Amino acid sequence: MKISFEKQPGDASYAISFFWKITLETESPTVVTDHFIPELFYDYFFIKEGKIKCLDKTLKSKFDLPQQVLKSIHAHPLIFVFSTPLILYGARLSLNFAESFWEEMPMNTFLNQTWLKNNPEDLDEFARQVTNCLAMRKTRKLPCPMLSMDFGESDWLASYSPRHKRRLYKTVFGMSRKELQNIRNVHSFLEQTCNFASENPRIIHYLNPDVFYDQPHLNHIFKKMTGFSPVEYIEASSVLQDNLMSASYNEVSSP
């Protein structure tokens, strides 16, 4: 299988982290199974060629993704089944995109969205069409941002009661602060450079005690969210998310 991944810078004013395109080519048509774990990003997909079936074992559902779709934040893993040849365009949207999205965005959902009027010829054209759509439809749901760049609560949000803050988190992001924090904690672990190539990897060497107080704590949260142990996840098949996570981590670490 030949895999090609392209990336283009996004636009922070529209909460676009980056644009991307992935191509899967095989000698003959086939299906590729891909695991996808929760992340604190929204992803807009445009399927130019091929098909994508989504298996959601937690919700016991199976469905084909439409050509244009927006994935909300999920609190559990998904399985994508790609039918090749596949050409898939995407826009990775940061967490604060939810504060300017013009519709409600419940957790664990895929929303039918038509952001593109024409079939893009390349990643540049895809990026232009998505940016133009967001520029026309962007809506401010709240008078001030809820979160800071480091995931802290803004002064505006901190001024409210715990009860009202819980309501705002649920309304805007579709999930609680604790659920968002659990996803962030798992990725803080995955961002580390861990050597899982040894026969007996010692996960405890990579634990941040400020995030996970011991290995059973990590294993419990990780298994609940991803369906894998940390070592099992590293060994699992993930073509799309491996590329997206690598690009996302590089974005975060860039000055």
C-alpha atoms as a PDB file:
ATOM      1  CA  MET A   1       0.000   0.000   0.000  1.00  0.00           C
ATOM      2  CA  LYS A   2       1.261   3.460  -0.910  1.00  0.00           C
ATOM      3  CA  ILE A   3       0.409   6.197   1.606  1.00  0.00           C
ATOM      4  CA  SER A   4       0.761   9.914   0.912  1.00  0.00           C
ATOM      5  CA  PHE A   5       0.059  12.620   3.519  1.00  0.00           C
ATOM      6  CA  GLU A   6       0.138  16.365   2.836  1.00  0.00           C
ATOM      7  CA  LYS A   7      -0.289  19.182   5.318  1.00  0.00           C
ATOM      8  CA  GLN A   8      -0.902  22.918   4.971  1.00  0.00           C
ATOM      9  CA  PRO A   9      -0.983  25.586   7.705  1.00  0.00           C
ATOM     10  CA  GLY A  10      -4.407  26.582   8.984  1.00  0.00           C
ATOM     11  CA  ASP A  11      -5.836  29.895  10.167  1.00  0.00           C
ATOM     12  CA  ALA A  12      -6.054  30.516  13.909  1.00  0.00           C
ATOM     13  CA  SER A  13      -8.696  33.222  13.434  1.00  0.00           C
ATOM     14  CA  TYR A  14     -11.082  30.464  12.314  1.00  0.00           C
ATOM     15  CA  ALA A  15      -9.712  27.867  14.791  1.00  0.00           C
ATOM     16  CA  ILE A  16      -8.185  25.851  11.928  1.00  0.00           C
ATOM     17  CA  SER A  17      -5.059  24.082  13.153  1.00  0.00           C
ATOM     18  CA  PHE A  18      -4.115  22.795   9.704  1.00  0.00           C
ATOM     19  CA  PHE A  19      -5.458  21.357   6.469  1.00  0.00           C
ATOM     20  CA  TRP A  20      -4.471  17.899   5.263  1.00  0.00           C
ATOM     21  CA  LYS A  21      -4.861  15.330   2.530  1.00  0.00           C
ATOM     22  CA  ILE A  22      -4.231  11.606   2.710  1.00  0.00           C
ATOM     23  CA  THR A  23      -4.113   9.211  -0.214  1.00  0.00           C
ATOM     24  CA  LEU A  24      -4.147   5.417   0.027  1.00  0.00           C
ATOM     25  CA  GLU A  25      -3.234   3.508  -3.120  1.00  0.00           C
ATOM     26  CA  THR A  26      -3.275  -0.268  -3.480  1.00  0.00           C
ATOM     27  CA  GLU A  27      -2.595  -2.559  -6.412  1.00  0.00           C
ATOM     28  CA  SER A  28      -6.240  -3.610  -6.383  1.00  0.00           C
ATOM     29  CA  PRO A  29      -9.312  -2.310  -4.497  1.00  0.00           C
ATOM     30  CA  THR A  30      -9.273  -3.428  -0.873  1.00  0.00           C
ATOM     31  CA  VAL A  31     -10.325  -2.355   2.614  1.00  0.00           C
ATOM     32  CA  VAL A  32      -8.045  -0.966   5.308  1.00  0.00           C
ATOM     33  CA  THR A  33      -9.056  -1.018   8.989  1.00  0.00           C
ATOM     34  CA  ASP A  34      -7.939   1.993  11.001  1.00  0.00           C
ATOM     35  CA  HIS A  35      -8.296   2.681  14.732  1.00  0.00           C
ATOM     36  CA  PHE A  36      -9.138   6.188  15.926  1.00  0.00           C
ATOM     37  CA  ILE A  37      -9.022   7.230  19.594  1.00  0.00           C
ATOM     38  CA  PRO A  38     -10.473  10.395  21.190  1.00  0.00           C
ATOM     39  CA  GLU A  39      -8.673  13.681  20.611  1.00  0.00           C
ATOM     40  CA  LEU A  40      -9.400  17.296  21.559  1.00  0.00           C
ATOM     41  CA  PHE A  41      -9.893  18.251  17.923  1.00  0.00           C
ATOM     42  CA  TYR A  42     -12.806  18.462  15.541  1.00  0.00           C
ATOM     43  CA  ASP A  43     -12.192  17.035  12.082  1.00  0.00           C
ATOM     44  CA  TYR A  44     -13.936  18.011   8.874  1.00  0.00           C
ATOM     45  CA  PHE A  45     -13.720  15.291   6.212  1.00  0.00           C
ATOM     46  CA  PHE A  46     -14.224  15.545   2.460  1.00  0.00           C
ATOM     47  CA  ILE A  47     -14.089  12.173   0.688  1.00  0.00           C
ATOM     48  CA  LYS A  48     -12.987  12.834  -2.896  1.00  0.00           C
ATOM     49  CA  GLU A  49     -12.509   9.186  -3.847  1.00  0.00           C
ATOM     50  CA  GLY A  50     -13.279   5.913  -2.074  1.00  0.00           C
ATOM     51  CA  LYS A  51     -15.556   5.158   0.849  1.00  0.00           C
ATOM     52  CA  ILE A  52     -15.298   5.220   4.628  1.00  0.00           C
ATOM     53  CA  LYS A  53     -17.366   3.048   6.943  1.00  0.00           C
ATOM     54  CA  CYS A  54     -17.389   3.888  10.651  1.00  0.00           C
ATOM     55  CA  LEU A  55     -17.794   1.225  13.345  1.00  0.00           C
ATOM     56  CA  ASP A  56     -18.756   2.539  16.765  1.00  0.00           C
ATOM     57  CA  LYS A  57     -18.678  -0.455  19.091  1.00  0.00           C
ATOM     58  CA  THR A  58     -19.569   1.621  22.145  1.00  0.00           C
ATOM     59  CA  LEU A  59     -22.814   2.877  20.602  1.00  0.00           C
ATOM     60  CA  LYS A  60     -23.254  -0.386  18.663  1.00  0.00           C
ATOM     61  CA  SER A  61     -23.605   1.363  15.313  1.00  0.00           C
ATOM     62  CA  LYS A  62     -22.182   0.971  11.813  1.00  0.00           C
ATOM     63  CA  PHE A  63     -22.614   3.544   9.043  1.00  0.00           C
ATOM     64  CA  ASP A  64     -21.059   4.998   5.903  1.00  0.00           C
ATOM     65  CA  LEU A  65     -19.694   8.511   6.233  1.00  0.00           C
ATOM     66  CA  PRO A  66     -21.224  11.033   3.814  1.00  0.00           C
ATOM     67  CA  GLN A  67     -18.899  12.793   1.403  1.00  0.00           C
ATOM     68  CA  GLN A  68     -18.761  15.882   3.650  1.00  0.00           C
ATOM     69  CA  VAL A  69     -18.959  15.432   7.421  1.00  0.00           C
ATOM     70  CA  LEU A  70     -17.809  17.029  10.671  1.00  0.00           C
ATOM     71  CA  LYS A  71     -16.640  14.732  13.471  1.00  0.00           C
ATOM     72  CA  SER A  72     -17.306  16.053  16.969  1.00  0.00           C
ATOM     73  CA  ILE A  73     -15.180  15.084  19.963  1.00  0.00           C
ATOM     74  CA  HIS A  74     -15.680  11.451  20.924  1.00  0.00           C
ATOM     75  CA  ALA A  75     -15.153  10.023  24.398  1.00  0.00           C
ATOM     76  CA  HIS A  76     -14.594   6.495  23.084  1.00  0.00           C
ATOM     77  CA  PRO A  77     -12.694   4.857  20.203  1.00  0.00           C
ATOM     78  CA  LEU A  78     -13.886   4.418  16.634  1.00  0.00           C
ATOM     79  CA  ILE A  79     -12.893   2.105  13.817  1.00  0.00           C
ATOM     80  CA  PHE A  80     -12.721   3.417  10.251  1.00  0.00           C
ATOM     81  CA  VAL A  81     -12.799   1.009   7.333  1.00  0.00           C
ATOM     82  CA  PHE A  82     -11.346   2.655   4.227  1.00  0.00           C
ATOM     83  CA  SER A  83     -12.190   1.361   0.755  1.00  0.00           C
ATOM     84  CA  THR A  84      -9.282   2.019  -1.595  1.00  0.00           C
ATOM     85  CA  PRO A  85      -8.253   3.834  -3.627  1.00  0.00           C
ATOM     86  CA  LEU A  86      -8.935   6.609  -1.128  1.00  0.00           C
ATOM     87  CA  ILE A  87      -8.419  10.376  -1.444  1.00  0.00           C
ATOM     88  CA  LEU A  88      -9.476  12.150   1.730  1.00  0.00           C
ATOM     89  CA  TYR A  89      -9.191  15.867   2.495  1.00  0.00           C
ATOM     90  CA  GLY A  90      -9.564  17.278   5.981  1.00  0.00           C
ATOM     91  CA  ALA A  91      -9.419  20.307   8.217  1.00  0.00           C
ATOM     92  CA  ARG A  92      -8.268  19.818  11.797  1.00  0.00           C
ATOM     93  CA  LEU A  93     -10.105  22.291  14.037  1.00  0.00           C
ATOM     94  CA  SER A  94      -8.990  23.267  17.521  1.00  0.00           C
ATOM     95  CA  LEU A  95     -11.123  22.987  20.625  1.00  0.00           C
ATOM     96  CA  ASN A  96     -12.265  26.607  20.560  1.00  0.00           C
ATOM     97  CA  PHE A  97     -13.880  26.011  17.152  1.00  0.00           C
ATOM     98  CA  ALA A  98     -16.956  24.910  19.103  1.00  0.00           C
ATOM     99  CA  GLU A  99     -17.352  28.462  20.404  1.00  0.00           C
ATOM    100  CA  SER A 100     -17.853  29.809  16.880  1.00  0.00           C
ATOM    101  CA  PHE A 101     -19.721  26.893  15.277  1.00  0.00           C
ATOM    102  CA  TRP A 102     -23.208  27.892  14.149  1.00  0.00           C
ATOM    103  CA  GLU A 103     -24.957  24.709  15.322  1.00  0.00           C
ATOM    104  CA  GLU A 104     -25.048  22.546  18.419  1.00  0.00           C
ATOM    105  CA  MET A 105     -22.316  19.913  18.431  1.00  0.00           C
ATOM    106  CA  PRO A 106     -23.060  17.003  20.780  1.00  0.00           C
ATOM    107  CA  MET A 107     -20.265  14.621  21.707  1.00  0.00           C
ATOM    108  CA  ASN A 108     -19.864  11.297  19.874  1.00  0.00           C
ATOM    109  CA  THR A 109     -21.522  12.483  16.655  1.00  0.00           C
ATOM    110  CA  PHE A 110     -20.875  13.008  12.964  1.00  0.00           C
ATOM    111  CA  LEU A 111     -22.684  16.027  11.536  1.00  0.00           C
ATOM    112  CA  ASN A 112     -23.632  16.341   7.880  1.00  0.00           C
ATOM    113  CA  GLN A 113     -22.021  19.582   6.708  1.00  0.00           C
ATOM    114  CA  THR A 114     -21.686  21.010   3.205  1.00  0.00           C
ATOM    115  CA  TRP A 115     -18.728  23.367   3.413  1.00  0.00           C
ATOM    116  CA  LEU A 116     -17.501  22.787  -0.147  1.00  0.00           C
ATOM    117  CA  LYS A 117     -19.474  23.775  -3.217  1.00  0.00           C
ATOM    118  CA  ASN A 118     -17.049  22.261  -5.712  1.00  0.00           C
ATOM    119  CA  ASN A 119     -14.870  19.174  -5.851  1.00  0.00           C
ATOM    120  CA  PRO A 120     -11.350  20.423  -4.986  1.00  0.00           C
ATOM    121  CA  GLU A 121      -8.523  19.759  -7.407  1.00  0.00           C
ATOM    122  CA  ASP A 122      -5.828  20.054  -4.739  1.00  0.00           C
ATOM    123  CA  LEU A 123      -5.202  20.897  -1.086  1.00  0.00           C
ATOM    124  CA  ASP A 124      -4.892  24.642  -1.818  1.00  0.00           C
ATOM    125  CA  GLU A 125      -8.378  24.764  -3.298  1.00  0.00           C
ATOM    126  CA  PHE A 126      -9.802  22.668  -0.466  1.00  0.00           C
ATOM    127  CA  ALA A 127      -8.296  25.085   2.069  1.00  0.00           C
ATOM    128  CA  ARG A 128      -9.715  28.119   0.249  1.00  0.00           C
ATOM    129  CA  GLN A 129     -13.231  26.704   0.126  1.00  0.00           C
ATOM    130  CA  VAL A 130     -13.237  25.694   3.801  1.00  0.00           C
ATOM    131  CA  THR A 131     -11.830  29.053   4.919  1.00  0.00           C
ATOM    132  CA  ASN A 132     -14.385  30.965   2.842  1.00  0.00           C
ATOM    133  CA  CYS A 133     -17.218  28.908   4.318  1.00  0.00           C
ATOM    134  CA  LEU A 134     -16.090  29.495   7.897  1.00  0.00           C
ATOM    135  CA  ALA A 135     -15.566  33.203   7.219  1.00  0.00           C
ATOM    136  CA  MET A 136     -19.187  33.530   6.113  1.00  0.00           C
ATOM    137  CA  ARG A 137     -20.757  31.338   8.796  1.00  0.00           C
ATOM    138  CA  LYS A 138     -18.618  31.926  11.896  1.00  0.00           C
ATOM    139  CA  THR A 139     -20.775  32.824  14.911  1.00  0.00           C
ATOM    140  CA  ARG A 140     -19.753  33.974  18.382  1.00  0.00           C
ATOM    141  CA  LYS A 141     -21.787  31.945  20.881  1.00  0.00           C
ATOM    142  CA  LEU A 142     -20.325  33.623  23.970  1.00  0.00           C
ATOM    143  CA  PRO A 143     -19.075  37.142  24.711  1.00  0.00           C
ATOM    144  CA  CYS A 144     -15.582  35.888  25.665  1.00  0.00           C
ATOM    145  CA  PRO A 145     -13.478  32.749  25.083  1.00  0.00           C
ATOM    146  CA  MET A 146     -13.942  29.955  27.622  1.00  0.00           C
ATOM    147  CA  LEU A 147     -10.426  28.541  27.583  1.00  0.00           C
ATOM    148  CA  SER A 148      -6.891  29.851  27.367  1.00  0.00           C
ATOM    149  CA  MET A 149      -4.229  28.420  25.036  1.00  0.00           C
ATOM    150  CA  ASP A 150      -2.919  26.141  27.817  1.00  0.00           C
ATOM    151  CA  PHE A 151      -6.397  24.692  28.495  1.00  0.00           C
ATOM    152  CA  GLY A 152      -6.920  26.850  31.580  1.00  0.00           C
ATOM    153  CA  GLU A 153     -10.229  28.580  32.170  1.00  0.00           C
ATOM    154  CA  SER A 154     -10.385  32.198  31.072  1.00  0.00           C
ATOM    155  CA  ASP A 155     -11.005  34.912  33.673  1.00  0.00           C
ATOM    156  CA  TRP A 156     -14.463  35.333  32.166  1.00  0.00           C
ATOM    157  CA  LEU A 157     -15.371  31.676  32.676  1.00  0.00           C
ATOM    158  CA  ALA A 158     -13.761  31.490  36.120  1.00  0.00           C
ATOM    159  CA  SER A 159     -16.114  34.191  37.374  1.00  0.00           C
ATOM    160  CA  TYR A 160     -19.136  31.883  37.079  1.00  0.00           C
ATOM    161  CA  SER A 161     -20.427  29.345  39.579  1.00  0.00           C
ATOM    162  CA  PRO A 162     -19.446  25.670  39.170  1.00  0.00           C
ATOM    163  CA  ARG A 163     -23.000  24.836  38.174  1.00  0.00           C
ATOM    164  CA  HIS A 164     -23.120  27.451  35.414  1.00  0.00           C
ATOM    165  CA  LYS A 165     -19.665  26.434  34.167  1.00  0.00           C
ATOM    166  CA  ARG A 166     -20.814  22.813  33.888  1.00  0.00           C
ATOM    167  CA  ARG A 167     -23.751  24.009  31.792  1.00  0.00           C
ATOM    168  CA  LEU A 168     -21.475  26.023  29.499  1.00  0.00           C
ATOM    169  CA  TYR A 169     -19.073  23.109  28.960  1.00  0.00           C
ATOM    170  CA  LYS A 170     -21.950  20.815  28.060  1.00  0.00           C
ATOM    171  CA  THR A 171     -23.596  23.365  25.791  1.00  0.00           C
ATOM    172  CA  VAL A 172     -20.471  24.403  23.881  1.00  0.00           C
ATOM    173  CA  PHE A 173     -18.233  21.308  23.842  1.00  0.00           C
ATOM    174  CA  GLY A 174     -20.844  18.613  24.383  1.00  0.00           C
ATOM    175  CA  MET A 175     -18.984  17.156  27.379  1.00  0.00           C
ATOM    176  CA  SER A 176     -17.800  18.035  30.859  1.00  0.00           C
ATOM    177  CA  ARG A 177     -14.488  19.592  31.839  1.00  0.00           C
ATOM    178  CA  LYS A 178     -13.481  16.269  33.428  1.00  0.00           C
ATOM    179  CA  GLU A 179     -14.135  14.342  30.203  1.00  0.00           C
ATOM    180  CA  LEU A 180     -12.098  16.865  28.224  1.00  0.00           C
ATOM    181  CA  GLN A 181      -9.306  16.671  30.794  1.00  0.00           C
ATOM    182  CA  ASN A 182      -9.186  12.861  30.600  1.00  0.00           C
ATOM    183  CA  ILE A 183      -8.635  13.048  26.830  1.00  0.00           C
ATOM    184  CA  ARG A 184      -5.940  15.674  27.311  1.00  0.00           C
ATOM    185  CA  ASN A 185      -4.218  13.531  29.951  1.00  0.00           C
ATOM    186  CA  VAL A 186      -4.036  10.501  27.658  1.00  0.00           C
ATOM    187  CA  HIS A 187      -2.443  12.587  24.928  1.00  0.00           C
ATOM    188  CA  SER A 188      -0.001  14.181  27.327  1.00  0.00           C
ATOM    189  CA  PHE A 189       1.267  10.628  27.853  1.00  0.00           C
ATOM    190  CA  LEU A 190       1.307   9.776  24.142  1.00  0.00           C
ATOM    191  CA  GLU A 191       3.219  12.941  23.284  1.00  0.00           C
ATOM    192  CA  GLN A 192       6.193  11.675  25.240  1.00  0.00           C
ATOM    193  CA  THR A 193       8.957   9.790  23.463  1.00  0.00           C
ATOM    194  CA  CYS A 194       8.347   6.299  24.753  1.00  0.00           C
ATOM    195  CA  ASN A 195      10.393   3.306  23.642  1.00  0.00           C
ATOM    196  CA  PHE A 196       7.867   0.503  23.325  1.00  0.00           C
ATOM    197  CA  ALA A 197      10.143  -1.565  21.106  1.00  0.00           C
ATOM    198  CA  SER A 198      11.635  -3.506  24.003  1.00  0.00           C
ATOM    199  CA  GLU A 199      10.161  -6.856  24.940  1.00  0.00           C
ATOM    200  CA  ASN A 200       9.176  -5.640  28.403  1.00  0.00           C
ATOM    201  CA  PRO A 201       8.492  -1.896  28.179  1.00  0.00           C
ATOM    202  CA  ARG A 202       8.302  -0.131  31.534  1.00  0.00           C
ATOM    203  CA  ILE A 203       5.404   2.299  31.217  1.00  0.00           C
ATOM    204  CA  ILE A 204       6.035   3.572  34.730  1.00  0.00           C
ATOM    205  CA  HIS A 205       9.204   5.297  33.448  1.00  0.00           C
ATOM    206  CA  TYR A 206       7.063   7.628  31.339  1.00  0.00           C
ATOM    207  CA  LEU A 207       4.370   8.556  33.841  1.00  0.00           C
ATOM    208  CA  ASN A 208       3.899  12.175  34.825  1.00  0.00           C
ATOM    209  CA  PRO A 209       2.817  12.006  38.496  1.00  0.00           C
ATOM    210  CA  ASP A 210       0.932  15.277  38.075  1.00  0.00           C
ATOM    211  CA  VAL A 211      -1.315  13.546  35.513  1.00  0.00           C
ATOM    212  CA  PHE A 212      -1.354   9.831  36.412  1.00  0.00           C
ATOM    213  CA  TYR A 213      -0.377   8.966  39.964  1.00  0.00           C
ATOM    214  CA  ASP A 214       0.531   5.346  39.110  1.00  0.00           C
ATOM    215  CA  GLN A 215       0.457   2.830  36.269  1.00  0.00           C
ATOM    216  CA  PRO A 216      -2.939   1.254  37.193  1.00  0.00           C
ATOM    217  CA  HIS A 217      -4.456   4.751  37.058  1.00  0.00           C
ATOM    218  CA  LEU A 218      -3.043   5.261  33.548  1.00  0.00           C
ATOM    219  CA  ASN A 219      -4.089   1.783  32.400  1.00  0.00           C
ATOM    220  CA  HIS A 220      -7.656   2.279  33.648  1.00  0.00           C
ATOM    221  CA  ILE A 221      -8.160   5.659  31.948  1.00  0.00           C
ATOM    222  CA  PHE A 222      -6.321   4.614  28.784  1.00  0.00           C
ATOM    223  CA  LYS A 223      -8.238   1.339  28.387  1.00  0.00           C
ATOM    224  CA  LYS A 224     -11.587   2.980  29.061  1.00  0.00           C
ATOM    225  CA  MET A 225     -10.985   5.668  26.472  1.00  0.00           C
ATOM    226  CA  THR A 226      -9.130   3.801  23.730  1.00  0.00           C
ATOM    227  CA  GLY A 227     -10.062   0.151  24.187  1.00  0.00           C
ATOM    228  CA  PHE A 228      -6.344  -0.713  24.382  1.00  0.00           C
ATOM    229  CA  SER A 229      -3.586  -0.862  26.928  1.00  0.00           C
ATOM    230  CA  PRO A 230      -0.802   1.649  26.139  1.00  0.00           C
ATOM    231  CA  VAL A 231       1.410  -1.028  24.567  1.00  0.00           C
ATOM    232  CA  GLU A 232      -1.506  -2.540  22.600  1.00  0.00           C
ATOM    233  CA  TYR A 233      -2.346   0.892  21.205  1.00  0.00           C
ATOM    234  CA  ILE A 234       1.208   1.469  19.960  1.00  0.00           C
ATOM    235  CA  GLU A 235       0.982  -1.851  18.104  1.00  0.00           C
ATOM    236  CA  ALA A 236      -2.498  -1.222  16.647  1.00  0.00           C
ATOM    237  CA  SER A 237      -3.082  -0.166  13.034  1.00  0.00           C
ATOM    238  CA  SER A 238      -3.685   3.548  12.601  1.00  0.00           C
ATOM    239  CA  VAL A 239      -2.738   5.183   9.321  1.00  0.00           C
ATOM    240  CA  LEU A 240      -4.863   8.325   9.418  1.00  0.00           C
ATOM    241  CA  GLN A 241      -4.585   9.163  13.104  1.00  0.00           C
ATOM    242  CA  ASP A 242      -0.849   8.483  13.266  1.00  0.00           C
ATOM    243  CA  ASN A 243      -0.347  11.207  10.662  1.00  0.00           C
ATOM    244  CA  LEU A 244      -2.846  13.587  12.266  1.00  0.00           C
ATOM    245  CA  MET A 245      -1.434  13.133  15.760  1.00  0.00           C
ATOM    246  CA  SER A 246       2.121  13.648  14.564  1.00  0.00           C
ATOM    247  CA  ALA A 247       1.125  16.846  12.769  1.00  0.00           C
ATOM    248  CA  SER A 248      -0.921  18.029  15.764  1.00  0.00           C
ATOM    249  CA  TYR A 249       1.873  17.441  18.267  1.00  0.00           C
ATOM    250  CA  ASN A 250       4.287  19.320  16.010  1.00  0.00           C
ATOM    251  CA  GLU A 251       1.834  22.219  15.836  1.00  0.00           C
ATOM    252  CA  VAL A 252       1.627  22.377  19.620  1.00  0.00           C
ATOM    253  CA  SER A 253       5.389  22.212  20.098  1.00  0.00           C
ATOM    254  CA  SER A 254       6.146  24.806  17.412  1.00  0.00           C
ATOM    255  CA  PRO A 255       7.029  28.322  18.655  1.00  0.00           C
END
